[in-house]
C-alpha atoms as a PDB file:
ATOM      1  CA  UNK A   1     -33.969  31.632 -11.946  1.00  0.00           C
ATOM      2  CA  UNK A   2     -34.560  30.560  -7.698  1.00  0.00           C
ATOM      3  CA  UNK A   3     -34.839  27.092  -8.803  1.00  0.00           C
ATOM      4  CA  UNK A   4     -32.193  26.786 -11.159  1.00  0.00           C
ATOM      5  CA  UNK A   5     -29.715  28.205  -7.890  1.00  0.00           C
ATOM      6  CA  UNK A   6     -31.703  25.512  -5.791  1.00  0.00           C
ATOM      7  CA  UNK A   7     -30.498  22.868  -8.689  1.00  0.00           C
ATOM      8  CA  UNK A   8     -26.613  23.994  -8.182  1.00  0.00           C
ATOM      9  CA  UNK A   9     -26.840  23.941  -4.527  1.00  0.00           C
ATOM     10  CA  UNK A  10     -28.300  19.938  -4.729  1.00  0.00           C
ATOM     11  CA  UNK A  11     -25.667  19.627  -7.120  1.00  0.00           C
ATOM     12  CA  UNK A  12     -23.207  20.631  -4.988  1.00  0.00           C
ATOM     13  CA  UNK A  13     -24.019  19.108  -1.874  1.00  0.00           C
ATOM     14  CA  UNK A  14     -24.416  15.745  -3.786  1.00  0.00           C
ATOM     15  CA  UNK A  15     -20.844  16.477  -4.866  1.00  0.00           C
ATOM     16  CA  UNK A  16     -19.206  17.096  -1.925  1.00  0.00           C
ATOM     17  CA  UNK A  17     -21.350  14.345  -0.174  1.00  0.00           C
ATOM     18  CA  UNK A  18     -19.965  11.519  -2.855  1.00  0.00           C
ATOM     19  CA  UNK A  19     -16.413  13.073  -2.563  1.00  0.00           C
ATOM     20  CA  UNK A  20     -16.469  12.393   1.661  1.00  0.00           C
ATOM     21  CA  UNK A  21     -17.714   8.936   1.244  1.00  0.00           C
ATOM     22  CA  UNK A  22     -14.607   8.278  -0.965  1.00  0.00           C
ATOM     23  CA  UNK A  23     -12.538   9.324   1.608  1.00  0.00           C
ATOM     24  CA  UNK A  24     -14.375   7.628   4.211  1.00  0.00           C
ATOM     25  CA  UNK A  25     -14.332   4.522   2.100  1.00  0.00           C
ATOM     26  CA  UNK A  26     -10.232   4.953   1.343  1.00  0.00           C
ATOM     27  CA  UNK A  27      -9.755   5.029   4.947  1.00  0.00           C
ATOM     28  CA  UNK A  28     -11.529   2.262   6.136  1.00  0.00           C
ATOM     29  CA  UNK A  29     -10.466   0.120   3.007  1.00  0.00           C
ATOM     30  CA  UNK A  30      -6.418   0.730   4.117  1.00  0.00           C
ATOM     31  CA  UNK A  31      -7.461  -0.496   7.924  1.00  0.00           C
ATOM     32  CA  UNK A  32      -6.037  -3.777   7.673  1.00  0.00           C
ATOM     33  CA  UNK A  33      -3.810  -4.024  11.272  1.00  0.00           C
ATOM     34  CA  UNK A  34      -4.275  -5.452  14.615  1.00  0.00           C
ATOM     35  CA  UNK A  35      -2.933  -5.139  17.385  1.00  0.00           C
ATOM     36  CA  UNK A  36      -3.655  -7.580  20.822  1.00  0.00           C
ATOM     37  CA  UNK A  37      -2.453  -8.676  23.736  1.00  0.00           C
ATOM     38  CA  UNK A  38      -3.037  -9.408  27.502  1.00  0.00           C
ATOM     39  CA  UNK A  39      -2.699  -7.002  30.389  1.00  0.00           C
ATOM     40  CA  UNK A  40      -1.469  -9.035  34.061  1.00  0.00           C
ATOM     41  CA  UNK A  41      -0.305  -7.338  37.569  1.00  0.00           C
ATOM     42  CA  UNK A  42       3.031  -8.266  38.990  1.00  0.00           C
ATOM     43  CA  UNK A  43       1.457 -11.747  40.304  1.00  0.00           C
ATOM     44  CA  UNK A  44       0.757 -12.320  37.277  1.00  0.00           C
ATOM     45  CA  UNK A  45      -3.335 -12.123  37.322  1.00  0.00           C
ATOM     46  CA  UNK A  46      -5.660 -10.764  34.608  1.00  0.00           C
ATOM     47  CA  UNK A  47      -6.113  -6.798  34.960  1.00  0.00           C
ATOM     48  CA  UNK A  48     -10.219  -6.486  33.284  1.00  0.00           C
ATOM     49  CA  UNK A  49     -11.659  -3.191  32.369  1.00  0.00           C
ATOM     50  CA  UNK A  50      -8.154  -1.717  31.405  1.00  0.00           C
ATOM     51  CA  UNK A  51      -8.492   1.290  28.803  1.00  0.00           C
ATOM     52  CA  UNK A  52      -6.622   0.785  25.804  1.00  0.00           C
ATOM     53  CA  UNK A  53      -6.047   4.065  23.145  1.00  0.00           C
ATOM     54  CA  UNK A  54      -3.935   3.939  19.979  1.00  0.00           C
ATOM     55  CA  UNK A  55      -3.242   6.848  18.538  1.00  0.00           C
ATOM     56  CA  UNK A  56      -1.543   7.671  15.205  1.00  0.00           C
ATOM     57  CA  UNK A  57       0.945   9.800  15.519  1.00  0.00           C
ATOM     58  CA  UNK A  58       0.522  11.679  12.011  1.00  0.00           C
ATOM     59  CA  UNK A  59      -3.127  12.121  12.147  1.00  0.00           C
ATOM     60  CA  UNK A  60      -4.398  12.279  15.851  1.00  0.00           C
ATOM     61  CA  UNK A  61      -6.670   9.894  14.907  1.00  0.00           C
ATOM     62  CA  UNK A  62      -7.608   7.559  18.125  1.00  0.00           C
ATOM     63  CA  UNK A  63      -8.630   3.842  18.327  1.00  0.00           C
ATOM     64  CA  UNK A  64      -9.861   2.632  21.618  1.00  0.00           C
ATOM     65  CA  UNK A  65     -10.261  -0.865  23.117  1.00  0.00           C
ATOM     66  CA  UNK A  66     -11.334  -2.447  26.729  1.00  0.00           C
ATOM     67  CA  UNK A  67      -9.382  -5.481  27.851  1.00  0.00           C
ATOM     68  CA  UNK A  68     -12.014  -8.266  29.256  1.00  0.00           C
ATOM     69  CA  UNK A  69     -12.084 -10.333  32.465  1.00  0.00           C
ATOM     70  CA  UNK A  70      -9.102 -12.334  31.126  1.00  0.00           C
ATOM     71  CA  UNK A  71      -7.424  -9.020  30.758  1.00  0.00           C
ATOM     72  CA  UNK A  72      -7.139  -9.417  27.052  1.00  0.00           C
ATOM     73  CA  UNK A  73      -7.759  -6.514  24.217  1.00  0.00           C
ATOM     74  CA  UNK A  74      -7.827  -6.144  20.771  1.00  0.00           C
ATOM     75  CA  UNK A  75      -8.131  -3.323  18.341  1.00  0.00           C
ATOM     76  CA  UNK A  76      -8.649  -3.555  14.939  1.00  0.00           C
ATOM     77  CA  UNK A  77      -9.455  -1.896  11.783  1.00  0.00           C
ATOM     78  CA  UNK A  78      -5.960  -0.165  12.266  1.00  0.00           C
ATOM     79  CA  UNK A  79      -4.473   1.783   9.111  1.00  0.00           C
ATOM     80  CA  UNK A  80      -0.500   1.608   8.165  1.00  0.00           C
ATOM     81  CA  UNK A  81       1.744   4.620  10.652  1.00  0.00           C
ATOM     82  CA  UNK A  82       3.193   5.250  13.636  1.00  0.00           C
ATOM     83  CA  UNK A  83       1.168   4.825  16.844  1.00  0.00           C
ATOM     84  CA  UNK A  84       1.362   6.072  20.343  1.00  0.00           C
ATOM     85  CA  UNK A  85      -0.221   3.439  22.931  1.00  0.00           C
ATOM     86  CA  UNK A  86      -1.475   4.311  26.395  1.00  0.00           C
ATOM     87  CA  UNK A  87      -3.131   2.170  28.823  1.00  0.00           C
ATOM     88  CA  UNK A  88      -4.803   2.860  32.088  1.00  0.00           C
ATOM     89  CA  UNK A  89      -6.526   0.342  35.005  1.00  0.00           C
ATOM     90  CA  UNK A  90      -7.789   1.701  38.200  1.00  0.00           C
ATOM     91  CA  UNK A  91      -4.986   1.387  40.888  1.00  0.00           C
ATOM     92  CA  UNK A  92      -1.941   1.001  38.104  1.00  0.00           C
ATOM     93  CA  UNK A  93       0.249   3.630  36.728  1.00  0.00           C
ATOM     94  CA  UNK A  94      -0.760   4.666  32.982  1.00  0.00           C
ATOM     95  CA  UNK A  95       1.487   2.684  30.486  1.00  0.00           C
ATOM     96  CA  UNK A  96       2.616   4.353  27.508  1.00  0.00           C
ATOM     97  CA  UNK A  97       4.595   3.028  24.495  1.00  0.00           C
ATOM     98  CA  UNK A  98       5.352   5.441  21.533  1.00  0.00           C
ATOM     99  CA  UNK A  99       7.058   4.754  18.291  1.00  0.00           C
ATOM    100  CA  UNK A 100       4.945   1.615  17.542  1.00  0.00           C
ATOM    101  CA  UNK A 101       5.202   1.120  13.490  1.00  0.00           C
ATOM    102  CA  UNK A 102       2.524  -0.522  12.082  1.00  0.00           C
ATOM    103  CA  UNK A 103       2.850  -1.972   8.354  1.00  0.00           C
ATOM    104  CA  UNK A 104       0.624  -3.918   5.612  1.00  0.00           C
ATOM    105  CA  UNK A 105      -1.862  -6.698   7.159  1.00  0.00           C
ATOM    106  CA  UNK A 106      -0.043  -7.220  10.383  1.00  0.00           C
ATOM    107  CA  UNK A 107      -1.129  -8.471  13.869  1.00  0.00           C
ATOM    108  CA  UNK A 108       1.069  -7.159  16.688  1.00  0.00           C
ATOM    109  CA  UNK A 109       1.164  -8.862  20.273  1.00  0.00           C
ATOM    110  CA  UNK A 110       1.436  -6.416  23.105  1.00  0.00           C
ATOM    111  CA  UNK A 111       1.722  -8.850  26.711  1.00  0.00           C
ATOM    112  CA  UNK A 112       1.858  -5.640  29.536  1.00  0.00           C
ATOM    113  CA  UNK A 113       2.606  -6.439  33.118  1.00  0.00           C
ATOM    114  CA  UNK A 114       1.212  -3.183  34.772  1.00  0.00           C
ATOM    115  CA  UNK A 115       2.886  -1.575  38.052  1.00  0.00           C
ATOM    116  CA  UNK A 116       0.859  -1.138  41.169  1.00  0.00           C
ATOM    117  CA  UNK A 117       0.670   2.974  41.717  1.00  0.00           C
ATOM    118  CA  UNK A 118      -1.101   6.491  41.515  1.00  0.00           C
ATOM    119  CA  UNK A 119      -2.439   7.732  38.305  1.00  0.00           C
ATOM    120  CA  UNK A 120       0.172  10.609  38.446  1.00  0.00           C
ATOM    121  CA  UNK A 121       3.151   8.468  37.882  1.00  0.00           C
ATOM    122  CA  UNK A 122       3.690   7.044  33.800  1.00  0.00           C
ATOM    123  CA  UNK A 123       5.717   3.935  33.017  1.00  0.00           C
ATOM    124  CA  UNK A 124       6.630   5.161  29.577  1.00  0.00           C
ATOM    125  CA  UNK A 125       8.801   3.002  26.826  1.00  0.00           C
ATOM    126  CA  UNK A 126       9.613   3.407  23.793  1.00  0.00           C
ATOM    127  CA  UNK A 127       8.838   1.222  20.838  1.00  0.00           C
ATOM    128  CA  UNK A 128      12.094  -0.843  19.151  1.00  0.00           C
ATOM    129  CA  UNK A 129      12.424  -2.455  15.687  1.00  0.00           C
ATOM    130  CA  UNK A 130       9.343  -4.225  14.863  1.00  0.00           C
ATOM    131  CA  UNK A 131       9.689  -7.684  16.253  1.00  0.00           C
ATOM    132  CA  UNK A 132       8.668 -11.341  14.624  1.00  0.00           C
ATOM    133  CA  UNK A 133       5.081 -10.899  14.038  1.00  0.00           C
ATOM    134  CA  UNK A 134       3.614 -13.934  16.348  1.00  0.00           C
ATOM    135  CA  UNK A 135      -0.013 -13.032  15.650  1.00  0.00           C
ATOM    136  CA  UNK A 136      -0.089 -15.608  12.379  1.00  0.00           C
ATOM    137  CA  UNK A 137       1.933 -16.431  10.076  1.00  0.00           C
ATOM    138  CA  UNK A 138       2.838 -16.426   6.228  1.00  0.00           C
ATOM    139  CA  UNK A 139       5.391 -16.366   3.565  1.00  0.00           C
ATOM    140  CA  UNK A 140       6.392 -13.439   1.791  1.00  0.00           C
ATOM    141  CA  UNK A 141       7.200 -10.334   2.128  1.00  0.00           C
ATOM    142  CA  UNK A 142       6.318  -6.335   2.347  1.00  0.00           C
ATOM    143  CA  UNK A 143       8.112  -3.569   0.783  1.00  0.00           C
ATOM    144  CA  UNK A 144       7.730  -0.392   2.480  1.00  0.00           C
ATOM    145  CA  UNK A 145       7.918   3.305   0.750  1.00  0.00           C
ATOM    146  CA  UNK A 146      11.199   3.845   1.419  1.00  0.00           C
ATOM    147  CA  UNK A 147      12.653   0.483  -0.761  1.00  0.00           C
ATOM    148  CA  UNK A 148       9.784   1.410  -3.594  1.00  0.00           C
ATOM    149  CA  UNK A 149      11.602   5.215  -3.711  1.00  0.00           C
ATOM    150  CA  UNK A 150      14.837   4.167  -3.299  1.00  0.00           C
ATOM    151  CA  UNK A 151      15.431   1.328  -5.977  1.00  0.00           C
ATOM    152  CA  UNK A 152      15.902   1.477  -9.915  1.00  0.00           C
ATOM    153  CA  UNK A 153      12.620   0.599 -11.003  1.00  0.00           C
ATOM    154  CA  UNK A 154      12.000  -0.656 -15.026  1.00  0.00           C
ATOM    155  CA  UNK A 155       9.167   1.258 -16.441  1.00  0.00           C
ATOM    156  CA  UNK A 156       8.435   2.542 -12.753  1.00  0.00           C
ATOM    157  CA  UNK A 157       6.751  -0.504 -11.954  1.00  0.00           C
ATOM    158  CA  UNK A 158       6.165  -2.034  -9.173  1.00  0.00           C
ATOM    159  CA  UNK A 159       5.006  -5.359  -9.785  1.00  0.00           C
ATOM    160  CA  UNK A 160       7.983  -5.651 -12.344  1.00  0.00           C
ATOM    161  CA  UNK A 161      10.707  -4.356  -9.895  1.00  0.00           C
ATOM    162  CA  UNK A 162       9.856  -5.549  -6.664  1.00  0.00           C
ATOM    163  CA  UNK A 163       7.170  -7.939  -6.402  1.00  0.00           C
ATOM    164  CA  UNK A 164       8.656 -10.361  -8.485  1.00  0.00           C
ATOM    165  CA  UNK A 165      11.776 -10.616  -5.861  1.00  0.00           C
ATOM    166  CA  UNK A 166       9.721 -11.390  -3.149  1.00  0.00           C
ATOM    167  CA  UNK A 167      10.840 -14.963  -0.823  1.00  0.00           C
ATOM    168  CA  UNK A 168       8.622 -17.809  -2.072  1.00  0.00           C
ATOM    169  CA  UNK A 169       7.990 -16.453  -5.682  1.00  0.00           C
ATOM    170  CA  UNK A 170       9.583 -17.347  -9.096  1.00  0.00           C
ATOM    171  CA  UNK A 171       9.998 -15.703 -12.475  1.00  0.00           C
ATOM    172  CA  UNK A 172      10.762 -12.128 -13.540  1.00  0.00           C
ATOM    173  CA  UNK A 173       8.012 -10.346 -14.441  1.00  0.00           C
ATOM    174  CA  UNK A 174       7.003  -8.839 -17.744  1.00  0.00           C
ATOM    175  CA  UNK A 175       9.898  -6.163 -18.235  1.00  0.00           C
ATOM    176  CA  UNK A 176       7.674  -4.767 -21.512  1.00  0.00           C
ATOM    177  CA  UNK A 177       4.681  -3.776 -19.305  1.00  0.00           C
ATOM    178  CA  UNK A 178       4.192   0.049 -17.600  1.00  0.00           C
ATOM    179  CA  UNK A 179       1.920   1.673 -15.756  1.00  0.00           C
ATOM    180  CA  UNK A 180      -0.452   2.738 -18.457  1.00  0.00           C
ATOM    181  CA  UNK A 181      -0.564  -0.966 -19.839  1.00  0.00           C
ATOM    182  CA  UNK A 182      -4.835  -1.941 -19.347  1.00  0.00           C
ATOM    183  CA  UNK A 183      -5.206  -5.092 -17.932  1.00  0.00           C
ATOM    184  CA  UNK A 184      -1.728  -6.365 -16.985  1.00  0.00           C
ATOM    185  CA  UNK A 185      -0.517  -9.825 -16.987  1.00  0.00           C
ATOM    186  CA  UNK A 186       2.788 -10.492 -15.043  1.00  0.00           C
ATOM    187  CA  UNK A 187       4.797 -13.843 -15.258  1.00  0.00           C
ATOM    188  CA  UNK A 188       5.081 -14.391 -11.209  1.00  0.00           C
ATOM    189  CA  UNK A 189       4.125 -17.576  -9.866  1.00  0.00           C
ATOM    190  CA  UNK A 190       3.699 -18.906  -6.469  1.00  0.00           C
ATOM    191  CA  UNK A 191       4.249 -22.099  -5.045  1.00  0.00           C
ATOM    192  CA  UNK A 192       4.657 -23.756  -8.107  1.00  0.00           C
ATOM    193  CA  UNK A 193       0.863 -22.551  -9.039  1.00  0.00           C
ATOM    194  CA  UNK A 194       0.544 -20.599 -12.742  1.00  0.00           C
ATOM    195  CA  UNK A 195       0.123 -17.333 -12.906  1.00  0.00           C
ATOM    196  CA  UNK A 196      -3.214 -16.355 -13.685  1.00  0.00           C
ATOM    197  CA  UNK A 197      -4.148 -17.774 -10.262  1.00  0.00           C
ATOM    198  CA  UNK A 198      -2.483 -14.823  -8.294  1.00  0.00           C
ATOM    199  CA  UNK A 199      -4.757 -12.209  -6.596  1.00  0.00           C
ATOM    200  CA  UNK A 200      -4.474  -8.505  -6.771  1.00  0.00           C
ATOM    201  CA  UNK A 201      -5.806  -5.766  -4.575  1.00  0.00           C
ATOM    202  CA  UNK A 202      -5.694  -2.463  -3.654  1.00  0.00           C
ATOM    203  CA  UNK A 203      -6.927  -0.543  -0.472  1.00  0.00           C
ATOM    204  CA  UNK A 204      -8.670  -3.939   0.015  1.00  0.00           C
ATOM    205  CA  UNK A 205     -10.548  -3.398  -2.701  1.00  0.00           C
ATOM    206  CA  UNK A 206     -10.251  -6.155  -5.832  1.00  0.00           C
ATOM    207  CA  UNK A 207      -8.483  -4.895  -9.008  1.00  0.00           C
ATOM    208  CA  UNK A 208      -7.852  -8.143 -10.890  1.00  0.00           C
ATOM    209  CA  UNK A 209      -9.203  -9.009 -14.106  1.00  0.00           C
ATOM    210  CA  UNK A 210     -12.770 -11.648 -13.055  1.00  0.00           C
ATOM    211  CA  UNK A 211     -12.591 -12.924 -16.712  1.00  0.00           C
ATOM    212  CA  UNK A 212      -8.391 -13.354 -17.218  1.00  0.00           C
ATOM    213  CA  UNK A 213      -7.214 -14.708 -13.542  1.00  0.00           C
ATOM    214  CA  UNK A 214      -3.500 -13.025 -13.124  1.00  0.00           C
ATOM    215  CA  UNK A 215      -4.282  -9.721 -14.734  1.00  0.00           C
ATOM    216  CA  UNK A 216      -5.229  -6.131 -13.080  1.00  0.00           C
ATOM    217  CA  UNK A 217      -6.813  -3.300 -13.934  1.00  0.00           C
ATOM    218  CA  UNK A 218      -4.754  -0.830 -11.729  1.00  0.00           C
ATOM    219  CA  UNK A 219      -0.606  -0.067 -11.659  1.00  0.00           C
ATOM    220  CA  UNK A 220      -0.247   2.181  -9.553  1.00  0.00           C
ATOM    221  CA  UNK A 221       2.490   4.947  -9.992  1.00  0.00           C
ATOM    222  CA  UNK A 222       5.487   4.096  -7.381  1.00  0.00           C
ATOM    223  CA  UNK A 223       5.099   7.504  -5.791  1.00  0.00           C
ATOM    224  CA  UNK A 224       1.455   7.654  -4.285  1.00  0.00           C
ATOM    225  CA  UNK A 225       2.391   3.663  -2.731  1.00  0.00           C
ATOM    226  CA  UNK A 226       2.625   3.571   0.490  1.00  0.00           C
ATOM    227  CA  UNK A 227       3.481  -0.273   1.485  1.00  0.00           C
ATOM    228  CA  UNK A 228       3.170  -3.715  -1.068  1.00  0.00           C
ATOM    229  CA  UNK A 229       2.350  -6.581   0.514  1.00  0.00           C
ATOM    230  CA  UNK A 230       3.272 -10.000  -0.825  1.00  0.00           C
ATOM    231  CA  UNK A 231       2.085 -13.738   0.425  1.00  0.00           C
ATOM    232  CA  UNK A 232       2.963 -16.508  -1.366  1.00  0.00           C
ATOM    233  CA  UNK A 233       1.213 -19.061   0.930  1.00  0.00           C
ATOM    234  CA  UNK A 234      -0.627 -19.433   4.161  1.00  0.00           C
ATOM    235  CA  UNK A 235      -2.412 -16.160   3.802  1.00  0.00           C
ATOM    236  CA  UNK A 236      -6.078 -16.212   5.168  1.00  0.00           C
ATOM    237  CA  UNK A 237      -9.241 -17.233   4.482  1.00  0.00           C
ATOM    238  CA  UNK A 238     -10.397 -13.923   3.163  1.00  0.00           C
ATOM    239  CA  UNK A 239      -7.799 -13.976   0.555  1.00  0.00           C
ATOM    240  CA  UNK A 240      -8.391 -17.161  -0.625  1.00  0.00           C
ATOM    241  CA  UNK A 241     -10.302 -17.150  -3.656  1.00  0.00           C
ATOM    242  CA  UNK A 242      -7.273 -17.825  -5.420  1.00  0.00           C
ATOM    243  CA  UNK A 243      -4.113 -20.382  -5.223  1.00  0.00           C
ATOM    244  CA  UNK A 244      -1.285 -18.379  -5.412  1.00  0.00           C
ATOM    245  CA  UNK A 245       0.130 -15.286  -4.599  1.00  0.00           C
ATOM    246  CA  UNK A 246      -1.562 -12.714  -3.179  1.00  0.00           C
ATOM    247  CA  UNK A 247      -0.040  -8.893  -3.907  1.00  0.00           C
ATOM    248  CA  UNK A 248      -2.040  -5.912  -2.020  1.00  0.00           C
ATOM    249  CA  UNK A 249      -0.881  -2.378  -2.345  1.00  0.00           C
ATOM    250  CA  UNK A 250      -1.260   0.465   0.226  1.00  0.00           C
ATOM    251  CA  UNK A 251      -1.566   3.885  -1.347  1.00  0.00           C
ATOM    252  CA  UNK A 252      -0.611   6.624   0.847  1.00  0.00           C
ATOM    253  CA  UNK A 253      -2.858   8.745   2.728  1.00  0.00           C
ATOM    254  CA  UNK A 254      -3.398  12.736   3.719  1.00  0.00           C
ATOM    255  CA  UNK A 255      -2.087  13.497   7.386  1.00  0.00           C
ATOM    256  CA  UNK A 256      -2.482  16.712   9.706  1.00  0.00           C
ATOM    257  CA  UNK A 257       0.194  18.311   7.879  1.00  0.00           C
ATOM    258  CA  UNK A 258       0.304  19.518   3.781  1.00  0.00           C
ATOM    259  CA  UNK A 259       2.947  16.941   1.625  1.00  0.00           C
ATOM    260  CA  UNK A 260       3.517  15.978  -1.455  1.00  0.00           C
ATOM    261  CA  UNK A 261       5.954  15.707  -4.706  1.00  0.00           C
ATOM    262  CA  UNK A 262       6.176  16.175  -8.208  1.00  0.00           C
ATOM    263  CA  UNK A 263       8.474  13.786 -10.352  1.00  0.00           C
ATOM    264  CA  UNK A 264       9.654  13.632 -13.692  1.00  0.00           C
ATOM    265  CA  UNK A 265      10.897  10.378 -15.526  1.00  0.00           C
ATOM    266  CA  UNK A 266      12.787  10.495 -18.806  1.00  0.00           C
ATOM    267  CA  UNK A 267      14.547   8.301 -20.983  1.00  0.00           C
ATOM    268  CA  UNK A 268      15.149   8.188 -24.800  1.00  0.00           C
ATOM    269  CA  UNK A 269      17.131   6.023 -26.838  1.00  0.00           C
ATOM    270  CA  UNK A 270      20.228   7.946 -26.413  1.00  0.00           C
ATOM    271  CA  UNK A 271      19.997   6.741 -22.911  1.00  0.00           C
ATOM    272  CA  UNK A 272      19.682   3.052 -23.745  1.00  0.00           C
ATOM    273  CA  UNK A 273      22.338   0.509 -24.485  1.00  0.00           C
ATOM    274  CA  UNK A 274      21.621  -1.438 -27.717  1.00  0.00           C
ATOM    275  CA  UNK A 275      21.848  -5.760 -28.452  1.00  0.00           C
ATOM    276  CA  UNK A 276      24.577  -7.245 -30.034  1.00  0.00           C
ATOM    277  CA  UNK A 277      22.392  -8.239 -32.934  1.00  0.00           C
ATOM    278  CA  UNK A 278      21.347  -4.353 -33.020  1.00  0.00           C
ATOM    279  CA  UNK A 279      22.756  -1.734 -35.102  1.00  0.00           C
ATOM    280  CA  UNK A 280      21.660   1.361 -34.282  1.00  0.00           C
ATOM    281  CA  UNK A 281      18.738   1.968 -31.777  1.00  0.00           C
ATOM    282  CA  UNK A 282      15.571   3.448 -33.338  1.00  0.00           C
ATOM    283  CA  UNK A 283      14.602   7.093 -31.971  1.00  0.00           C
ATOM    284  CA  UNK A 284      12.290   6.958 -29.137  1.00  0.00           C
ATOM    285  CA  UNK A 285      11.093   9.692 -26.243  1.00  0.00           C
ATOM    286  CA  UNK A 286       9.501   8.823 -23.276  1.00  0.00           C
ATOM    287  CA  UNK A 287       8.326  11.319 -20.292  1.00  0.00           C
ATOM    288  CA  UNK A 288       6.193  10.389 -17.235  1.00  0.00           C
ATOM    289  CA  UNK A 289       4.973  13.274 -15.317  1.00  0.00           C
ATOM    290  CA  UNK A 290       3.099  13.905 -12.352  1.00  0.00           C
ATOM    291  CA  UNK A 291       2.613  14.668  -8.534  1.00  0.00           C
ATOM    292  CA  UNK A 292       0.937  13.878  -5.270  1.00  0.00           C
ATOM    293  CA  UNK A 293      -0.729  15.811  -2.570  1.00  0.00           C
ATOM    294  CA  UNK A 294      -1.937  15.415   0.551  1.00  0.00           C
ATOM    295  CA  UNK A 295      -3.229  16.807   4.110  1.00  0.00           C
ATOM    296  CA  UNK A 296      -5.969  17.994   6.469  1.00  0.00           C
ATOM    297  CA  UNK A 297      -9.516  18.893   5.790  1.00  0.00           C
ATOM    298  CA  UNK A 298     -10.101  19.166   9.395  1.00  0.00           C
ATOM    299  CA  UNK A 299      -7.625  18.913  11.428  1.00  0.00           C
ATOM    300  CA  UNK A 300      -7.370  15.186  13.787  1.00  0.00           C
ATOM    301  CA  UNK A 301     -10.432  14.007  11.560  1.00  0.00           C
ATOM    302  CA  UNK A 302     -10.918  14.201   7.959  1.00  0.00           C
ATOM    303  CA  UNK A 303      -8.253  13.761   5.451  1.00  0.00           C
ATOM    304  CA  UNK A 304      -7.263  13.865   1.604  1.00  0.00           C
ATOM    305  CA  UNK A 305      -4.679  13.013  -0.608  1.00  0.00           C
ATOM    306  CA  UNK A 306      -4.707  12.771  -4.455  1.00  0.00           C
ATOM    307  CA  UNK A 307      -2.176  12.310  -7.265  1.00  0.00           C
ATOM    308  CA  UNK A 308      -2.074  12.679 -10.752  1.00  0.00           C
ATOM    309  CA  UNK A 309       0.342  10.832 -13.456  1.00  0.00           C
ATOM    310  CA  UNK A 310       0.499  10.921 -17.161  1.00  0.00           C
ATOM    311  CA  UNK A 311       2.783   9.867 -20.297  1.00  0.00           C
ATOM    312  CA  UNK A 312       4.028  11.653 -23.104  1.00  0.00           C
ATOM    313  CA  UNK A 313       5.669   8.507 -25.642  1.00  0.00           C
ATOM    314  CA  UNK A 314       6.917   8.468 -29.105  1.00  0.00           C
ATOM    315  CA  UNK A 315       8.981   5.826 -30.709  1.00  0.00           C
ATOM    316  CA  UNK A 316       9.610   4.646 -34.135  1.00  0.00           C
ATOM    317  CA  UNK A 317       9.352   1.178 -35.154  1.00  0.00           C
ATOM    318  CA  UNK A 318      11.169  -0.313 -38.443  1.00  0.00           C
ATOM    319  CA  UNK A 319      11.623  -3.852 -39.809  1.00  0.00           C
ATOM    320  CA  UNK A 320      13.270  -4.784 -42.978  1.00  0.00           C
ATOM    321  CA  UNK A 321      11.484  -7.087 -45.375  1.00  0.00           C
ATOM    322  CA  UNK A 322      12.350  -8.520 -48.661  1.00  0.00           C
ATOM    323  CA  UNK A 323      11.522  -7.019 -52.182  1.00  0.00           C
ATOM    324  CA  UNK A 324      10.707  -8.587 -55.570  1.00  0.00           C
ATOM    325  CA  UNK A 325      13.886  -7.803 -56.401  1.00  0.00           C
ATOM    326  CA  UNK A 326      15.591  -9.189 -53.741  1.00  0.00           C
ATOM    327  CA  UNK A 327      17.191  -5.993 -51.936  1.00  0.00           C
ATOM    328  CA  UNK A 328      16.089  -5.111 -48.833  1.00  0.00           C
ATOM    329  CA  UNK A 329      14.063  -2.212 -47.764  1.00  0.00           C
ATOM    330  CA  UNK A 330      13.352  -0.555 -44.746  1.00  0.00           C
ATOM    331  CA  UNK A 331       9.682   0.383 -43.850  1.00  0.00           C
ATOM    332  CA  UNK A 332       9.539   2.884 -41.086  1.00  0.00           C
ATOM    333  CA  UNK A 333       6.419   3.641 -39.257  1.00  0.00           C
ATOM    334  CA  UNK A 334       5.410   5.432 -36.242  1.00  0.00           C
END
């Protein structure tokens, strides 16, 4: 009996360790942003050894860096979110900026001139709307969670409803595909390239079909998506294995407060319009349901976010064939 209890204890430990490793891996895979810049004084001289701290306002997780002899600093692996920036240097007033919003795959530049003064005095700046990204160049678009939630998406699919409208892309997607289609392929082309050279990533991991290009294994429901980054040209070398579009999906994450939602999407034949060649629409019913939940495990340190979505669908397909007698017969299958 004791050996059996020990075995169950070991199993629980392994499951907990595996779950925590998935949380850590998911958090690191979403870290795609960079903040860099140069620190100078009033005479435009570089300020070395200054401490730069970026704190995520939703999770209170801090990311730190120190300026070098040229006054240059660089903070990498920053997840999506809104940050508070604090810069401290000996003999200068602390510099604080709040509301710095980082979107997917950005390189933000902050060139700051510090004022001479005591540490008790603070220069505080409120971040304005996102400036032009000067750290790198690319052709494409970023689709925020607000747009994803408010846009009318056919079959609740972000690829057919939003990605195809990004600058530099042509095509209309594939309106017959939904989030439950395995190995979905979309008729989207970038830079004159065929659709089978498009790359799909989710939280930094490749989800395209390696044997049949241009298809993705995963179509995330819109409720779990934080942002979508679409580059049609000029993306970095790390995304250069494919010559078409680079489509990156970033999922939501946990914060210091519990949050989530429950959704239900319903449609049937009575809510659809028939085409000019149809006499009537066959009976159909479709329900997509699910929800998300996120929150803290250990505040300011460890977080979780999960989702579940299901599909209940039924439809009657009908076709007309010719019989030997010449009279048409209707065959219905379900």
